[in-house]
Amino acid sequence: MPCHNSPRWLAHLARPQRGARQTEMKIELLQLLYANPFSGLPHEDPYNHLVKFYEIAGSLGAT
């Protein structure tokens, strides 16, 4: 099982592939993201934040 906090696992979040399906950003997703902000403080884990973002986006049907 891949580690969900590894940069390799999260690499596909950085840039969409050519010809990839575009997903509309819905207001519900934005509200969930604003409720879970990342500010870069030393105690915050950026990979954990991206995993949470991916889970939120996936729950709304974004792939």
N, C-alpha and C. Protein backbone atom coordinates (compact mmCIF):
# COMPACT_ATOMS: atom_id res chain seq x y z
N MET A 1 0.85 -1.19 0.00
CA MET A 1 0.00 0.00 0.00
C MET A 1 0.89 1.24 0.00
N PRO A 2 0.63 2.21 -0.90
CA PRO A 2 1.47 3.40 -0.95
C PRO A 2 1.25 4.31 0.25
N CYS A 3 2.29 5.02 0.60
CA CYS A 3 2.19 5.99 1.68
C CYS A 3 1.47 7.23 1.15
N HIS A 4 0.41 7.63 1.79
CA HIS A 4 -0.40 8.75 1.31
C HIS A 4 0.27 10.10 1.54
N ASN A 5 1.34 10.13 2.29
CA ASN A 5 2.05 11.39 2.53
C ASN A 5 3.31 11.53 1.70
N SER A 6 3.57 10.59 0.80
CA SER A 6 4.79 10.67 0.01
C SER A 6 4.61 11.62 -1.16
N PRO A 7 5.67 12.37 -1.51
CA PRO A 7 5.57 13.28 -2.66
C PRO A 7 5.23 12.56 -3.96
N ARG A 8 5.69 11.32 -4.11
CA ARG A 8 5.40 10.58 -5.34
C ARG A 8 3.90 10.32 -5.46
N TRP A 9 3.23 9.96 -4.36
CA TRP A 9 1.80 9.69 -4.39
C TRP A 9 1.01 10.96 -4.69
N LEU A 10 1.51 12.10 -4.21
CA LEU A 10 0.80 13.37 -4.38
C LEU A 10 1.20 14.12 -5.66
N ALA A 11 2.13 13.59 -6.43
CA ALA A 11 2.64 14.30 -7.61
C ALA A 11 1.54 14.60 -8.62
N HIS A 12 0.56 13.72 -8.75
CA HIS A 12 -0.51 13.95 -9.73
C HIS A 12 -1.40 15.12 -9.35
N LEU A 13 -1.31 15.61 -8.13
CA LEU A 13 -2.11 16.76 -7.73
C LEU A 13 -1.49 18.08 -8.20
N ALA A 14 -0.22 18.06 -8.51
CA ALA A 14 0.48 19.29 -8.83
C ALA A 14 0.12 19.84 -10.20
N ARG A 15 -0.04 18.97 -11.18
CA ARG A 15 -0.27 19.44 -12.54
C ARG A 15 -1.16 18.44 -13.27
N PRO A 16 -2.22 18.91 -13.92
CA PRO A 16 -3.07 17.97 -14.66
C PRO A 16 -2.36 17.45 -15.90
N GLN A 17 -2.70 16.24 -16.29
CA GLN A 17 -2.13 15.66 -17.50
C GLN A 17 -2.74 16.33 -18.71
N ARG A 18 -2.02 16.28 -19.82
CA ARG A 18 -2.56 16.84 -21.06
C ARG A 18 -3.79 16.05 -21.48
N GLY A 19 -4.81 16.77 -21.87
CA GLY A 19 -6.04 16.14 -22.29
C GLY A 19 -6.90 15.63 -21.15
N ALA A 20 -6.52 15.97 -19.91
CA ALA A 20 -7.28 15.51 -18.75
C ALA A 20 -8.63 16.22 -18.69
N ARG A 21 -9.60 15.54 -18.13
CA ARG A 21 -10.93 16.12 -17.99
C ARG A 21 -10.87 17.28 -17.00
N GLN A 22 -11.49 18.37 -17.33
CA GLN A 22 -11.54 19.54 -16.46
C GLN A 22 -12.71 19.40 -15.50
N THR A 23 -12.51 19.82 -14.26
CA THR A 23 -13.55 19.75 -13.24
C THR A 23 -13.88 21.16 -12.77
N GLU A 24 -15.14 21.45 -12.69
CA GLU A 24 -15.58 22.76 -12.21
C GLU A 24 -15.41 22.84 -10.70
N MET A 25 -14.90 23.96 -10.21
CA MET A 25 -14.73 24.17 -8.78
C MET A 25 -16.06 24.66 -8.23
N LYS A 26 -16.69 23.88 -7.40
CA LYS A 26 -18.00 24.22 -6.85
C LYS A 26 -17.85 24.98 -5.53
N ILE A 27 -18.85 25.77 -5.21
CA ILE A 27 -18.82 26.59 -4.00
C ILE A 27 -18.71 25.72 -2.74
N GLU A 28 -19.32 24.54 -2.75
CA GLU A 28 -19.24 23.65 -1.59
C GLU A 28 -17.81 23.23 -1.32
N LEU A 29 -17.07 22.95 -2.38
CA LEU A 29 -15.66 22.57 -2.23
C LEU A 29 -14.85 23.74 -1.67
N LEU A 30 -15.10 24.92 -2.18
CA LEU A 30 -14.39 26.09 -1.67
C LEU A 30 -14.68 26.33 -0.19
N GLN A 31 -15.92 26.14 0.22
CA GLN A 31 -16.27 26.32 1.63
C GLN A 31 -15.56 25.30 2.51
N LEU A 32 -15.48 24.04 2.05
CA LEU A 32 -14.77 23.02 2.81
C LEU A 32 -13.28 23.34 2.89
N LEU A 33 -12.72 23.85 1.82
CA LEU A 33 -11.30 24.19 1.82
C LEU A 33 -11.00 25.37 2.72
N TYR A 34 -11.88 26.36 2.74
CA TYR A 34 -11.69 27.49 3.64
C TYR A 34 -11.79 27.06 5.10
N ALA A 35 -12.55 26.02 5.36
CA ALA A 35 -12.69 25.52 6.72
C ALA A 35 -11.45 24.74 7.16
N ASN A 36 -10.61 24.33 6.20
CA ASN A 36 -9.39 23.56 6.48
C ASN A 36 -8.18 24.24 5.83
N PRO A 37 -7.82 25.45 6.29
CA PRO A 37 -6.74 26.19 5.63
C PRO A 37 -5.36 25.63 5.96
N PHE A 38 -4.42 25.92 5.09
CA PHE A 38 -3.01 25.61 5.33
C PHE A 38 -2.27 26.93 5.28
N SER A 39 -1.54 27.24 6.35
CA SER A 39 -0.83 28.52 6.39
C SER A 39 0.68 28.36 6.44
N GLY A 40 1.18 27.12 6.42
CA GLY A 40 2.62 26.90 6.37
C GLY A 40 3.34 27.02 7.70
N LEU A 41 2.61 26.96 8.79
CA LEU A 41 3.25 27.03 10.10
C LEU A 41 4.07 25.77 10.35
N PRO A 42 5.08 25.84 11.23
CA PRO A 42 5.96 24.69 11.45
C PRO A 42 5.24 23.41 11.89
N HIS A 43 4.15 23.54 12.61
CA HIS A 43 3.45 22.35 13.10
C HIS A 43 2.50 21.74 12.06
N GLU A 44 2.32 22.41 10.92
CA GLU A 44 1.41 21.91 9.89
C GLU A 44 2.15 21.03 8.89
N ASP A 45 1.48 19.98 8.45
CA ASP A 45 2.05 19.04 7.48
C ASP A 45 1.44 19.31 6.11
N PRO A 46 2.23 19.80 5.14
CA PRO A 46 1.65 20.10 3.83
C PRO A 46 1.11 18.87 3.11
N TYR A 47 1.76 17.73 3.29
CA TYR A 47 1.28 16.51 2.64
C TYR A 47 -0.06 16.06 3.22
N ASN A 48 -0.20 16.19 4.53
CA ASN A 48 -1.47 15.86 5.17
C ASN A 48 -2.57 16.79 4.66
N HIS A 49 -2.24 18.06 4.47
CA HIS A 49 -3.22 19.01 3.95
C HIS A 49 -3.65 18.61 2.54
N LEU A 50 -2.70 18.20 1.70
CA LEU A 50 -3.03 17.79 0.34
C LEU A 50 -3.87 16.52 0.33
N VAL A 51 -3.58 15.60 1.23
CA VAL A 51 -4.39 14.38 1.34
C VAL A 51 -5.82 14.74 1.71
N LYS A 52 -5.97 15.66 2.67
CA LYS A 52 -7.31 16.10 3.07
C LYS A 52 -8.03 16.78 1.91
N PHE A 53 -7.31 17.62 1.15
CA PHE A 53 -7.88 18.27 -0.02
C PHE A 53 -8.35 17.22 -1.03
N TYR A 54 -7.51 16.23 -1.27
CA TYR A 54 -7.85 15.18 -2.23
C TYR A 54 -9.10 14.42 -1.78
N GLU A 55 -9.21 14.14 -0.49
CA GLU A 55 -10.40 13.45 0.04
C GLU A 55 -11.65 14.31 -0.13
N ILE A 56 -11.54 15.60 0.15
CA ILE A 56 -12.68 16.50 0.00
C ILE A 56 -13.10 16.59 -1.46
N ALA A 57 -12.13 16.78 -2.34
CA ALA A 57 -12.43 16.88 -3.76
C ALA A 57 -13.04 15.58 -4.28
N GLY A 58 -12.51 14.45 -3.84
CA GLY A 58 -13.04 13.15 -4.27
C GLY A 58 -14.45 12.92 -3.79
N SER A 59 -14.77 13.41 -2.60
CA SER A 59 -16.12 13.21 -2.07
C SER A 59 -17.15 14.02 -2.84
N LEU A 60 -16.69 15.06 -3.54
CA LEU A 60 -17.60 15.87 -4.33
C LEU A 60 -17.61 15.47 -5.80
N GLY A 61 -16.90 14.40 -6.13
CA GLY A 61 -16.92 13.88 -7.49
C GLY A 61 -15.79 14.35 -8.36
N ALA A 62 -14.87 15.15 -7.85
CA ALA A 62 -13.72 15.57 -8.65
C ALA A 62 -12.70 14.45 -8.67
N THR A 63 -12.06 14.28 -9.82
CA THR A 63 -11.02 13.25 -9.93
C THR A 63 -9.75 13.83 -10.47
